[in-house]
N, C-alpha and C. Protein backbone atom coordinates (compact mmCIF):
# COMPACT_ATOMS: atom_id res chain seq x y z
N UNK A 1 59.19 -1.91 -2.86
CA UNK A 1 58.44 -1.77 -4.13
C UNK A 1 58.58 -0.32 -4.62
N UNK A 2 58.97 -0.12 -5.90
CA UNK A 2 59.16 1.24 -6.38
C UNK A 2 57.81 1.90 -6.65
N UNK A 3 57.88 3.21 -6.88
CA UNK A 3 56.64 3.98 -6.99
C UNK A 3 55.81 3.57 -8.20
N UNK A 4 56.42 3.29 -9.35
CA UNK A 4 55.67 2.93 -10.56
C UNK A 4 54.97 1.60 -10.37
N UNK A 5 55.66 0.63 -9.69
CA UNK A 5 55.03 -0.68 -9.47
C UNK A 5 53.87 -0.55 -8.49
N UNK A 6 54.00 0.32 -7.47
CA UNK A 6 52.93 0.55 -6.51
C UNK A 6 51.71 1.15 -7.20
N UNK A 7 51.94 2.08 -8.12
CA UNK A 7 50.83 2.70 -8.86
C UNK A 7 50.10 1.67 -9.70
N UNK A 8 50.85 0.75 -10.32
CA UNK A 8 50.24 -0.30 -11.14
C UNK A 8 49.35 -1.20 -10.29
N UNK A 9 49.84 -1.56 -9.10
CA UNK A 9 49.06 -2.40 -8.21
C UNK A 9 47.75 -1.71 -7.82
N UNK A 10 47.82 -0.39 -7.55
CA UNK A 10 46.62 0.34 -7.20
C UNK A 10 45.62 0.38 -8.34
N UNK A 11 46.10 0.55 -9.55
CA UNK A 11 45.21 0.59 -10.72
C UNK A 11 44.50 -0.74 -10.89
N UNK A 12 45.27 -1.85 -10.76
CA UNK A 12 44.66 -3.18 -10.91
C UNK A 12 43.62 -3.40 -9.82
N UNK A 13 43.93 -2.98 -8.58
CA UNK A 13 42.99 -3.17 -7.47
C UNK A 13 41.71 -2.39 -7.71
N UNK A 14 41.84 -1.16 -8.19
CA UNK A 14 40.65 -0.35 -8.47
C UNK A 14 39.82 -0.94 -9.59
N UNK A 15 40.48 -1.49 -10.59
CA UNK A 15 39.76 -2.12 -11.70
C UNK A 15 38.96 -3.32 -11.22
N UNK A 16 39.57 -4.14 -10.34
CA UNK A 16 38.86 -5.30 -9.80
C UNK A 16 37.68 -4.87 -8.95
N UNK A 17 37.87 -3.82 -8.14
CA UNK A 17 36.77 -3.31 -7.33
C UNK A 17 35.63 -2.81 -8.20
N UNK A 18 35.95 -2.11 -9.28
CA UNK A 18 34.93 -1.62 -10.19
C UNK A 18 34.15 -2.75 -10.82
N UNK A 19 34.84 -3.85 -11.17
CA UNK A 19 34.17 -5.00 -11.77
C UNK A 19 33.20 -5.62 -10.79
N UNK A 20 33.61 -5.69 -9.50
CA UNK A 20 32.74 -6.27 -8.48
C UNK A 20 31.49 -5.41 -8.30
N UNK A 21 31.66 -4.07 -8.25
CA UNK A 21 30.52 -3.18 -8.08
C UNK A 21 29.56 -3.30 -9.25
N UNK A 22 30.09 -3.33 -10.47
CA UNK A 22 29.24 -3.45 -11.65
C UNK A 22 28.50 -4.77 -11.66
N UNK A 23 29.17 -5.83 -11.24
CA UNK A 23 28.52 -7.13 -11.19
C UNK A 23 27.37 -7.11 -10.20
N UNK A 24 27.59 -6.44 -9.06
CA UNK A 24 26.53 -6.33 -8.07
C UNK A 24 25.35 -5.56 -8.60
N UNK A 25 25.61 -4.45 -9.32
CA UNK A 25 24.52 -3.67 -9.90
C UNK A 25 23.75 -4.49 -10.91
N UNK A 26 24.48 -5.29 -11.71
CA UNK A 26 23.81 -6.11 -12.70
C UNK A 26 22.90 -7.13 -12.06
N UNK A 27 23.33 -7.71 -10.93
CA UNK A 27 22.52 -8.71 -10.25
C UNK A 27 21.24 -8.08 -9.71
N UNK A 28 21.36 -6.86 -9.12
CA UNK A 28 20.19 -6.22 -8.57
C UNK A 28 19.25 -5.77 -9.67
N UNK A 29 19.78 -5.25 -10.75
CA UNK A 29 18.92 -4.76 -11.81
C UNK A 29 18.20 -5.89 -12.53
N UNK A 30 18.74 -7.10 -12.45
CA UNK A 30 18.07 -8.22 -13.10
C UNK A 30 16.97 -8.80 -12.26
N UNK A 31 16.80 -8.28 -11.01
CA UNK A 31 15.72 -8.73 -10.16
C UNK A 31 16.13 -9.80 -9.18
N UNK A 32 17.40 -10.20 -9.15
CA UNK A 32 17.85 -11.20 -8.20
C UNK A 32 17.92 -10.60 -6.82
N UNK A 33 17.57 -11.37 -5.79
CA UNK A 33 17.65 -10.91 -4.41
C UNK A 33 18.82 -11.60 -3.76
N UNK A 34 19.87 -10.86 -3.35
CA UNK A 34 21.05 -11.49 -2.78
C UNK A 34 20.82 -12.06 -1.39
N UNK A 35 19.68 -11.71 -0.74
CA UNK A 35 19.40 -12.22 0.59
C UNK A 35 18.35 -13.31 0.50
N UNK A 36 18.35 -14.24 1.47
CA UNK A 36 17.35 -15.30 1.43
C UNK A 36 15.97 -14.75 1.69
N UNK A 37 14.96 -15.52 1.28
CA UNK A 37 13.58 -15.08 1.47
C UNK A 37 12.85 -15.08 0.15
N UNK A 38 11.56 -14.74 0.17
CA UNK A 38 10.76 -14.75 -1.06
C UNK A 38 11.22 -13.68 -2.03
N UNK A 39 11.00 -13.93 -3.31
CA UNK A 39 11.38 -12.95 -4.33
C UNK A 39 10.49 -11.73 -4.21
N UNK A 40 11.05 -10.53 -4.42
CA UNK A 40 10.24 -9.32 -4.31
C UNK A 40 9.30 -9.18 -5.49
N UNK A 41 8.23 -8.41 -5.30
CA UNK A 41 7.36 -8.09 -6.42
C UNK A 41 8.09 -7.11 -7.32
N UNK A 42 7.61 -6.95 -8.57
CA UNK A 42 8.24 -5.95 -9.45
C UNK A 42 8.16 -4.57 -8.80
N UNK A 43 9.22 -3.79 -8.97
CA UNK A 43 9.22 -2.43 -8.44
C UNK A 43 8.18 -1.59 -9.17
N UNK A 44 7.58 -0.53 -8.59
CA UNK A 44 7.84 -0.09 -7.23
C UNK A 44 6.89 -0.76 -6.25
N UNK A 45 7.39 -1.33 -5.23
CA UNK A 45 6.60 -1.97 -4.19
C UNK A 45 7.53 -2.46 -3.11
N UNK A 46 7.14 -2.32 -1.87
CA UNK A 46 7.96 -2.77 -0.76
C UNK A 46 7.36 -4.03 -0.17
N UNK A 47 8.09 -5.13 -0.26
CA UNK A 47 7.66 -6.39 0.31
C UNK A 47 8.21 -6.49 1.73
N UNK A 48 7.35 -6.70 2.70
CA UNK A 48 7.77 -6.80 4.08
C UNK A 48 8.18 -8.25 4.38
N UNK A 49 9.42 -8.43 4.75
CA UNK A 49 9.95 -9.75 5.03
C UNK A 49 10.74 -9.71 6.33
N UNK A 50 10.19 -10.17 7.45
CA UNK A 50 8.91 -10.90 7.53
C UNK A 50 7.72 -9.94 7.45
N UNK A 51 6.54 -10.49 7.14
CA UNK A 51 5.33 -9.65 7.14
C UNK A 51 5.08 -9.07 8.53
N UNK A 52 4.36 -7.96 8.57
CA UNK A 52 4.09 -7.28 9.83
C UNK A 52 2.78 -7.77 10.44
N UNK A 53 2.86 -8.20 11.70
CA UNK A 53 1.64 -8.58 12.42
C UNK A 53 0.80 -7.33 12.69
N UNK A 54 -0.52 -7.48 12.57
CA UNK A 54 -1.44 -6.38 12.80
C UNK A 54 -2.41 -6.76 13.92
N UNK A 55 -2.66 -5.82 14.80
CA UNK A 55 -3.69 -6.05 15.80
C UNK A 55 -5.06 -5.94 15.15
N UNK A 56 -5.97 -6.80 15.56
CA UNK A 56 -7.32 -6.76 15.00
C UNK A 56 -8.00 -5.44 15.37
N UNK A 57 -8.89 -4.99 14.52
CA UNK A 57 -9.64 -3.77 14.80
C UNK A 57 -11.02 -3.90 14.20
N UNK A 58 -11.94 -3.08 14.69
CA UNK A 58 -13.32 -3.09 14.20
C UNK A 58 -13.75 -1.67 13.88
N UNK A 59 -14.28 -1.46 12.69
CA UNK A 59 -14.83 -0.18 12.27
C UNK A 59 -16.26 -0.42 11.74
N UNK A 60 -16.90 0.63 11.27
CA UNK A 60 -18.26 0.52 10.74
C UNK A 60 -18.22 0.63 9.23
N UNK A 61 -18.90 -0.32 8.56
CA UNK A 61 -18.86 -0.32 7.10
C UNK A 61 -19.98 0.54 6.52
N UNK A 62 -20.07 0.56 5.18
CA UNK A 62 -21.03 1.44 4.51
C UNK A 62 -22.47 0.99 4.68
N UNK A 63 -22.66 -0.20 5.22
CA UNK A 63 -24.01 -0.66 5.54
C UNK A 63 -24.39 -0.36 6.98
N UNK A 64 -23.46 0.28 7.71
CA UNK A 64 -23.71 0.59 9.10
C UNK A 64 -23.45 -0.58 10.03
N UNK A 65 -22.77 -1.62 9.52
CA UNK A 65 -22.48 -2.81 10.30
C UNK A 65 -21.01 -2.84 10.72
N UNK A 66 -20.72 -3.46 11.88
CA UNK A 66 -19.31 -3.57 12.29
C UNK A 66 -18.55 -4.51 11.37
N UNK A 67 -17.33 -4.14 11.07
CA UNK A 67 -16.45 -4.98 10.25
C UNK A 67 -15.07 -4.99 10.88
N UNK A 68 -14.54 -6.18 11.12
CA UNK A 68 -13.22 -6.33 11.73
C UNK A 68 -12.22 -6.78 10.69
N UNK A 69 -10.96 -6.48 10.94
CA UNK A 69 -9.90 -6.98 10.06
C UNK A 69 -9.94 -8.50 10.00
N UNK A 70 -10.22 -9.14 11.12
CA UNK A 70 -10.25 -10.60 11.16
C UNK A 70 -11.38 -11.17 10.30
N UNK A 71 -12.41 -10.37 10.02
CA UNK A 71 -13.49 -10.84 9.14
C UNK A 71 -13.00 -11.05 7.71
N UNK A 72 -11.88 -10.44 7.38
CA UNK A 72 -11.36 -10.52 6.01
C UNK A 72 -10.32 -11.62 5.84
N UNK A 73 -9.98 -12.31 6.92
CA UNK A 73 -8.98 -13.37 6.82
C UNK A 73 -9.47 -14.45 5.86
N UNK A 74 -8.51 -14.99 5.12
CA UNK A 74 -8.82 -15.93 4.05
C UNK A 74 -8.82 -15.26 2.69
N UNK A 75 -8.90 -13.92 2.71
CA UNK A 75 -8.80 -13.15 1.48
C UNK A 75 -7.59 -12.22 1.57
N UNK A 76 -7.11 -11.78 0.43
CA UNK A 76 -6.14 -10.70 0.39
C UNK A 76 -6.91 -9.39 0.49
N UNK A 77 -6.52 -8.53 1.43
CA UNK A 77 -7.18 -7.24 1.59
C UNK A 77 -6.29 -6.14 1.03
N UNK A 78 -6.81 -5.40 0.07
CA UNK A 78 -6.10 -4.27 -0.52
C UNK A 78 -6.69 -3.01 0.09
N UNK A 79 -5.90 -2.30 0.89
CA UNK A 79 -6.43 -1.23 1.72
C UNK A 79 -5.82 0.13 1.36
N UNK A 80 -6.67 1.15 1.46
CA UNK A 80 -6.25 2.52 1.21
C UNK A 80 -6.92 3.44 2.21
N UNK A 81 -6.17 4.39 2.77
CA UNK A 81 -6.70 5.34 3.73
C UNK A 81 -6.92 6.67 3.01
N UNK A 82 -8.16 7.15 3.00
CA UNK A 82 -8.47 8.39 2.31
C UNK A 82 -9.79 8.97 2.80
N UNK A 83 -10.46 9.75 1.94
CA UNK A 83 -11.76 10.32 2.32
C UNK A 83 -12.50 10.72 1.05
N UNK A 84 -13.83 10.74 1.13
CA UNK A 84 -14.64 10.90 -0.07
C UNK A 84 -14.56 12.29 -0.68
N UNK A 85 -14.19 13.31 0.12
CA UNK A 85 -14.09 14.68 -0.42
C UNK A 85 -12.72 14.96 -1.02
N UNK A 86 -11.86 13.98 -1.03
CA UNK A 86 -10.51 14.13 -1.59
C UNK A 86 -10.62 14.50 -3.06
N UNK A 87 -9.94 15.55 -3.50
CA UNK A 87 -10.11 16.02 -4.88
C UNK A 87 -9.30 15.28 -5.93
N UNK A 88 -8.30 14.49 -5.52
CA UNK A 88 -7.42 13.94 -6.54
C UNK A 88 -6.91 12.54 -6.24
N UNK A 89 -6.12 12.38 -5.21
CA UNK A 89 -5.44 11.10 -4.95
C UNK A 89 -6.43 9.96 -4.75
N UNK A 90 -7.46 10.20 -3.95
CA UNK A 90 -8.40 9.11 -3.61
C UNK A 90 -9.18 8.59 -4.82
N UNK A 91 -9.82 9.45 -5.62
CA UNK A 91 -10.53 8.90 -6.77
C UNK A 91 -9.61 8.21 -7.78
N UNK A 92 -8.39 8.71 -7.91
CA UNK A 92 -7.44 8.04 -8.81
C UNK A 92 -7.12 6.65 -8.29
N UNK A 93 -6.87 6.54 -6.99
CA UNK A 93 -6.51 5.25 -6.40
C UNK A 93 -7.67 4.26 -6.49
N UNK A 94 -8.89 4.69 -6.18
CA UNK A 94 -10.04 3.78 -6.24
C UNK A 94 -10.32 3.38 -7.68
N UNK A 95 -10.09 4.28 -8.62
CA UNK A 95 -10.21 3.91 -10.04
C UNK A 95 -9.17 2.85 -10.40
N UNK A 96 -7.96 2.99 -9.85
CA UNK A 96 -6.93 1.98 -10.07
C UNK A 96 -7.32 0.64 -9.47
N UNK A 97 -8.04 0.67 -8.33
CA UNK A 97 -8.51 -0.59 -7.74
C UNK A 97 -9.43 -1.32 -8.72
N UNK A 98 -10.26 -0.57 -9.46
CA UNK A 98 -11.11 -1.20 -10.46
C UNK A 98 -10.28 -1.91 -11.51
N UNK A 99 -9.19 -1.29 -11.92
CA UNK A 99 -8.32 -1.89 -12.93
C UNK A 99 -7.61 -3.12 -12.37
N UNK A 100 -7.22 -3.05 -11.09
CA UNK A 100 -6.60 -4.22 -10.45
C UNK A 100 -7.60 -5.38 -10.44
N UNK A 101 -8.83 -5.09 -10.05
CA UNK A 101 -9.86 -6.14 -10.00
C UNK A 101 -10.08 -6.76 -11.37
N UNK A 102 -10.14 -5.93 -12.40
CA UNK A 102 -10.32 -6.44 -13.76
C UNK A 102 -9.15 -7.32 -14.16
N UNK A 103 -7.93 -6.86 -13.84
CA UNK A 103 -6.73 -7.61 -14.18
C UNK A 103 -6.71 -8.97 -13.49
N UNK A 104 -7.23 -9.05 -12.28
CA UNK A 104 -7.21 -10.31 -11.53
C UNK A 104 -8.18 -11.34 -12.08
N UNK A 105 -9.20 -10.89 -12.79
CA UNK A 105 -10.16 -11.84 -13.36
C UNK A 105 -10.87 -12.64 -12.28
N UNK A 106 -10.93 -13.95 -12.43
CA UNK A 106 -11.62 -14.81 -11.47
C UNK A 106 -10.97 -14.76 -10.09
N UNK A 107 -9.67 -14.45 -10.03
CA UNK A 107 -8.99 -14.38 -8.73
C UNK A 107 -9.51 -13.23 -7.86
N UNK A 108 -10.22 -12.27 -8.47
CA UNK A 108 -10.72 -11.12 -7.72
C UNK A 108 -11.71 -11.54 -6.63
N UNK A 109 -12.32 -12.71 -6.77
CA UNK A 109 -13.26 -13.18 -5.75
C UNK A 109 -12.57 -13.49 -4.43
N UNK A 110 -11.23 -13.61 -4.47
CA UNK A 110 -10.46 -13.89 -3.27
C UNK A 110 -9.82 -12.63 -2.68
N UNK A 111 -10.25 -11.46 -3.17
CA UNK A 111 -9.65 -10.19 -2.77
C UNK A 111 -10.73 -9.24 -2.26
N UNK A 112 -10.44 -8.54 -1.16
CA UNK A 112 -11.32 -7.50 -0.64
C UNK A 112 -10.63 -6.15 -0.84
N UNK A 113 -11.32 -5.24 -1.50
CA UNK A 113 -10.80 -3.88 -1.71
C UNK A 113 -11.44 -2.98 -0.65
N UNK A 114 -10.60 -2.39 0.20
CA UNK A 114 -11.09 -1.69 1.39
C UNK A 114 -10.64 -0.23 1.40
N UNK A 115 -11.61 0.67 1.53
CA UNK A 115 -11.36 2.10 1.62
C UNK A 115 -11.62 2.52 3.07
N UNK A 116 -10.56 2.94 3.77
CA UNK A 116 -10.67 3.36 5.16
C UNK A 116 -10.76 4.89 5.19
N UNK A 117 -11.91 5.43 5.58
CA UNK A 117 -12.06 6.88 5.61
C UNK A 117 -11.42 7.46 6.86
N UNK A 118 -10.60 8.48 6.68
CA UNK A 118 -9.99 9.20 7.80
C UNK A 118 -10.69 10.54 8.01
N UNK A 119 -11.93 10.63 7.52
CA UNK A 119 -12.75 11.82 7.69
C UNK A 119 -14.12 11.40 8.25
N UNK A 120 -14.15 10.89 9.47
CA UNK A 120 -15.40 10.34 10.00
C UNK A 120 -16.51 11.37 10.19
N UNK A 121 -16.17 12.64 10.34
CA UNK A 121 -17.20 13.66 10.53
C UNK A 121 -18.10 13.80 9.31
N UNK A 122 -17.53 13.62 8.12
CA UNK A 122 -18.33 13.77 6.90
C UNK A 122 -18.67 12.43 6.24
N UNK A 123 -17.80 11.45 6.41
CA UNK A 123 -18.00 10.18 5.70
C UNK A 123 -18.86 9.22 6.52
N UNK A 124 -20.16 9.46 6.44
CA UNK A 124 -21.14 8.58 7.06
C UNK A 124 -21.22 7.29 6.25
N UNK A 125 -21.83 6.24 6.81
CA UNK A 125 -22.01 5.02 6.02
C UNK A 125 -22.72 5.27 4.69
N UNK A 126 -23.77 6.09 4.70
CA UNK A 126 -24.50 6.38 3.45
C UNK A 126 -23.59 7.06 2.43
N UNK A 127 -22.79 7.98 2.90
CA UNK A 127 -21.91 8.70 1.98
C UNK A 127 -20.85 7.75 1.42
N UNK A 128 -20.31 6.87 2.26
CA UNK A 128 -19.34 5.89 1.77
C UNK A 128 -19.98 4.97 0.73
N UNK A 129 -21.23 4.56 0.99
CA UNK A 129 -21.91 3.67 0.05
C UNK A 129 -22.11 4.33 -1.30
N UNK A 130 -22.52 5.59 -1.27
CA UNK A 130 -22.73 6.32 -2.53
C UNK A 130 -21.41 6.51 -3.27
N UNK A 131 -20.39 6.91 -2.55
CA UNK A 131 -19.09 7.17 -3.17
C UNK A 131 -18.52 5.92 -3.81
N UNK A 132 -18.45 4.84 -3.07
CA UNK A 132 -17.85 3.62 -3.60
C UNK A 132 -18.74 2.98 -4.67
N UNK A 133 -20.05 3.19 -4.55
CA UNK A 133 -20.95 2.66 -5.57
C UNK A 133 -20.70 3.25 -6.94
N UNK A 134 -20.13 4.46 -6.98
CA UNK A 134 -19.78 5.07 -8.27
C UNK A 134 -18.58 4.39 -8.92
N UNK A 135 -17.84 3.62 -8.16
CA UNK A 135 -16.67 2.90 -8.68
C UNK A 135 -16.99 1.40 -8.82
N UNK A 136 -17.31 0.78 -7.70
CA UNK A 136 -17.64 -0.64 -7.69
C UNK A 136 -18.38 -0.93 -6.38
N UNK A 137 -19.62 -1.38 -6.45
CA UNK A 137 -20.41 -1.59 -5.23
C UNK A 137 -19.88 -2.70 -4.33
N UNK A 138 -18.95 -3.52 -4.85
CA UNK A 138 -18.38 -4.56 -4.00
C UNK A 138 -17.23 -4.05 -3.15
N UNK A 139 -16.74 -2.84 -3.43
CA UNK A 139 -15.67 -2.28 -2.61
C UNK A 139 -16.22 -1.97 -1.22
N UNK A 140 -15.38 -2.15 -0.23
CA UNK A 140 -15.79 -1.98 1.17
C UNK A 140 -15.30 -0.63 1.69
N UNK A 141 -16.20 0.13 2.30
CA UNK A 141 -15.84 1.38 2.95
C UNK A 141 -16.03 1.26 4.45
N UNK A 142 -15.06 1.69 5.22
CA UNK A 142 -15.15 1.60 6.68
C UNK A 142 -14.61 2.88 7.32
N UNK A 143 -15.14 3.21 8.48
CA UNK A 143 -14.63 4.35 9.23
C UNK A 143 -15.04 4.18 10.69
N UNK A 144 -14.58 5.12 11.52
CA UNK A 144 -14.89 5.07 12.95
C UNK A 144 -14.49 6.37 13.59
N UNK A 145 -14.46 6.40 14.92
CA UNK A 145 -14.07 7.62 15.61
C UNK A 145 -12.58 7.88 15.39
N UNK A 146 -12.20 9.14 15.55
CA UNK A 146 -10.82 9.54 15.20
C UNK A 146 -9.78 8.82 16.05
N UNK A 147 -10.06 8.61 17.32
CA UNK A 147 -9.08 7.94 18.18
C UNK A 147 -8.80 6.53 17.69
N UNK A 148 -9.87 5.81 17.35
CA UNK A 148 -9.69 4.46 16.83
C UNK A 148 -8.94 4.47 15.51
N UNK A 149 -9.30 5.41 14.64
CA UNK A 149 -8.63 5.51 13.33
C UNK A 149 -7.14 5.78 13.49
N UNK A 150 -6.78 6.62 14.44
CA UNK A 150 -5.36 6.94 14.62
C UNK A 150 -4.59 5.72 15.11
N UNK A 151 -5.21 4.91 15.95
CA UNK A 151 -4.55 3.69 16.39
C UNK A 151 -4.32 2.72 15.24
N UNK A 152 -5.32 2.61 14.37
CA UNK A 152 -5.19 1.74 13.20
C UNK A 152 -4.14 2.29 12.24
N UNK A 153 -4.20 3.59 11.99
CA UNK A 153 -3.25 4.22 11.07
C UNK A 153 -1.82 4.02 11.53
N UNK A 154 -1.61 4.07 12.84
CA UNK A 154 -0.26 3.91 13.36
C UNK A 154 0.30 2.53 13.02
N UNK A 155 -0.55 1.52 13.03
CA UNK A 155 -0.10 0.17 12.69
C UNK A 155 0.44 0.11 11.26
N UNK A 156 -0.18 0.87 10.38
CA UNK A 156 0.18 0.84 8.96
C UNK A 156 1.23 1.90 8.61
N UNK A 157 1.57 2.76 9.57
CA UNK A 157 2.48 3.85 9.27
C UNK A 157 1.82 4.94 8.46
N UNK A 158 0.51 5.14 8.67
CA UNK A 158 -0.26 6.12 7.92
C UNK A 158 -0.38 7.42 8.71
N UNK A 159 -0.19 8.54 8.02
CA UNK A 159 -0.35 9.88 8.59
C UNK A 159 -1.62 10.50 8.02
N UNK A 160 -2.40 11.18 8.87
CA UNK A 160 -3.48 12.02 8.35
C UNK A 160 -3.71 13.20 9.28
N UNK A 161 -4.07 14.33 8.68
CA UNK A 161 -4.26 15.55 9.46
C UNK A 161 -5.18 16.49 8.71
N UNK A 162 -6.16 17.02 9.43
CA UNK A 162 -7.11 17.95 8.84
C UNK A 162 -6.44 19.29 8.58
N UNK A 163 -6.75 19.87 7.41
CA UNK A 163 -6.17 21.15 7.03
C UNK A 163 -7.32 22.09 6.67
N UNK A 164 -7.67 22.99 7.59
CA UNK A 164 -8.79 23.91 7.40
C UNK A 164 -8.35 25.14 6.59
N UNK A 165 -9.18 25.53 5.63
CA UNK A 165 -8.77 26.66 4.79
C UNK A 165 -9.74 27.85 4.87
N UNK A 166 -10.60 27.89 5.91
CA UNK A 166 -11.35 29.12 6.17
C UNK A 166 -11.64 29.20 7.67
N UNK A 167 -12.21 30.32 8.09
CA UNK A 167 -12.40 30.55 9.53
C UNK A 167 -13.52 29.72 10.13
N UNK A 168 -14.40 29.20 9.31
CA UNK A 168 -15.54 28.45 9.84
C UNK A 168 -15.13 27.10 10.42
N UNK A 169 -14.05 26.55 9.91
CA UNK A 169 -13.61 25.23 10.35
C UNK A 169 -14.37 24.10 9.69
N UNK A 170 -15.39 24.42 8.89
CA UNK A 170 -16.21 23.39 8.25
C UNK A 170 -15.66 23.00 6.88
N UNK A 171 -14.89 23.87 6.29
CA UNK A 171 -14.30 23.58 4.98
C UNK A 171 -12.85 23.20 5.16
N UNK A 172 -12.54 21.97 4.83
CA UNK A 172 -11.18 21.50 5.07
C UNK A 172 -10.83 20.36 4.12
N UNK A 173 -9.54 20.17 3.97
CA UNK A 173 -9.00 19.01 3.30
C UNK A 173 -8.32 18.15 4.36
N UNK A 174 -8.03 16.91 4.02
CA UNK A 174 -7.32 16.04 4.95
C UNK A 174 -6.04 15.57 4.26
N UNK A 175 -4.91 16.01 4.78
CA UNK A 175 -3.64 15.50 4.28
C UNK A 175 -3.49 14.07 4.78
N UNK A 176 -3.08 13.16 3.88
CA UNK A 176 -2.99 11.76 4.30
C UNK A 176 -1.99 11.00 3.45
N UNK A 177 -1.48 9.94 4.01
CA UNK A 177 -0.60 9.03 3.28
C UNK A 177 -1.36 8.44 2.10
N UNK A 178 -0.68 8.34 0.97
CA UNK A 178 -1.37 7.90 -0.26
C UNK A 178 -0.98 6.49 -0.70
N UNK A 179 -0.37 5.72 0.17
CA UNK A 179 0.06 4.37 -0.21
C UNK A 179 -1.10 3.38 -0.20
N UNK A 180 -0.90 2.29 -0.91
CA UNK A 180 -1.82 1.15 -0.90
C UNK A 180 -1.17 0.02 -0.12
N UNK A 181 -1.95 -0.59 0.78
CA UNK A 181 -1.43 -1.63 1.66
C UNK A 181 -2.10 -2.96 1.34
N UNK A 182 -1.28 -4.00 1.18
CA UNK A 182 -1.79 -5.32 0.86
C UNK A 182 -1.60 -6.23 2.07
N UNK A 183 -2.71 -6.71 2.61
CA UNK A 183 -2.70 -7.60 3.78
C UNK A 183 -2.98 -9.02 3.28
N UNK A 184 -2.12 -9.96 3.67
CA UNK A 184 -2.26 -11.33 3.21
C UNK A 184 -3.46 -12.04 3.83
N UNK A 185 -3.79 -13.22 3.31
CA UNK A 185 -4.95 -13.97 3.81
C UNK A 185 -4.86 -14.32 5.29
N UNK A 186 -3.65 -14.33 5.84
CA UNK A 186 -3.46 -14.65 7.25
C UNK A 186 -3.58 -13.42 8.14
N UNK A 187 -3.82 -12.23 7.54
CA UNK A 187 -4.04 -11.01 8.31
C UNK A 187 -2.80 -10.22 8.65
N UNK A 188 -1.69 -10.46 7.93
CA UNK A 188 -0.47 -9.70 8.18
C UNK A 188 -0.16 -8.80 6.98
N UNK A 189 0.41 -7.64 7.28
CA UNK A 189 0.76 -6.68 6.23
C UNK A 189 1.93 -7.22 5.42
N UNK A 190 1.72 -7.35 4.10
CA UNK A 190 2.72 -8.01 3.26
C UNK A 190 3.43 -7.07 2.28
N UNK A 191 2.67 -6.16 1.65
CA UNK A 191 3.24 -5.31 0.60
C UNK A 191 2.70 -3.89 0.75
N UNK A 192 3.56 -2.91 0.48
CA UNK A 192 3.15 -1.50 0.44
C UNK A 192 3.51 -0.94 -0.93
N UNK A 193 2.52 -0.36 -1.60
CA UNK A 193 2.75 0.25 -2.91
C UNK A 193 2.58 1.76 -2.81
N UNK A 194 3.48 2.53 -3.40
CA UNK A 194 3.31 3.99 -3.40
C UNK A 194 2.18 4.41 -4.33
N UNK A 195 1.74 5.65 -4.16
CA UNK A 195 0.68 6.20 -5.00
C UNK A 195 1.05 6.12 -6.48
N UNK A 196 0.05 5.80 -7.28
CA UNK A 196 0.16 5.78 -8.74
C UNK A 196 1.00 4.61 -9.25
N UNK A 197 1.12 3.56 -8.45
CA UNK A 197 1.74 2.33 -8.96
C UNK A 197 0.86 1.73 -10.04
N UNK A 198 1.47 1.21 -11.08
CA UNK A 198 0.74 0.57 -12.17
C UNK A 198 -0.16 -0.53 -11.60
N UNK A 199 -1.47 -0.49 -11.87
CA UNK A 199 -2.37 -1.53 -11.36
C UNK A 199 -1.94 -2.94 -11.73
N UNK A 200 -1.29 -3.11 -12.88
CA UNK A 200 -0.84 -4.44 -13.27
C UNK A 200 0.21 -4.97 -12.30
N UNK A 201 1.05 -4.09 -11.76
CA UNK A 201 2.06 -4.49 -10.78
C UNK A 201 1.39 -4.92 -9.48
N UNK A 202 0.37 -4.16 -9.06
CA UNK A 202 -0.35 -4.53 -7.84
C UNK A 202 -1.05 -5.87 -8.02
N UNK A 203 -1.68 -6.06 -9.16
CA UNK A 203 -2.36 -7.34 -9.42
C UNK A 203 -1.38 -8.50 -9.39
N UNK A 204 -0.19 -8.30 -9.93
CA UNK A 204 0.82 -9.35 -9.94
C UNK A 204 1.26 -9.68 -8.51
N UNK A 205 1.43 -8.64 -7.68
CA UNK A 205 1.81 -8.87 -6.29
C UNK A 205 0.74 -9.62 -5.53
N UNK A 206 -0.53 -9.31 -5.81
CA UNK A 206 -1.63 -10.00 -5.15
C UNK A 206 -1.65 -11.48 -5.53
N UNK A 207 -1.44 -11.76 -6.81
CA UNK A 207 -1.45 -13.16 -7.26
C UNK A 207 -0.41 -13.99 -6.50
N UNK A 208 0.70 -13.40 -6.17
CA UNK A 208 1.75 -14.12 -5.46
C UNK A 208 1.29 -14.52 -4.06
N UNK A 209 0.29 -13.83 -3.52
CA UNK A 209 -0.19 -14.12 -2.17
C UNK A 209 -1.38 -15.07 -2.15
N UNK A 210 -2.00 -15.30 -3.29
CA UNK A 210 -3.20 -16.14 -3.34
C UNK A 210 -2.82 -17.61 -3.33
């Protein structure tokens, strides 16, 4: 084969490859999933397929009563790890939970919105009750000792760490993962949404699980 004919063959091959790549991009951008399994929720959101099994755990709620993950089975649990002294991410996220609940309408009765405090030294049951009551009194606040919280956080892939900004050690912030976690009615982790996801997207993902 002469050099000019070889060059032509290479050009045609590259053109075909480009067409295949573009077709693949078009399929993904249209929302089609090339792999078997349930359709993903609208981006941004990570659907776990298969869902992740979670070990049961028990913490103390804002009424001072024990609450286990298994107590929430039968409902979709929308969970966030934060703390009441958080200056920005936490109040924004809990405000978004209010919008998700409104968007769900009557379906909201099948959903539990759960705030897991990673600051047990300051977030007493009374403080959790007051904080969440400013948003929605039906929201659930839970916390426990740090060792238990770290075991629970590990299941969800959550990081948290106290960051002290003076010598007293009493004034501090808590760096923490800002994602929202959606646990299905069967008690398995189904969807993870990054911070500041549109509440309408979260509500749509929840409806798919009801």
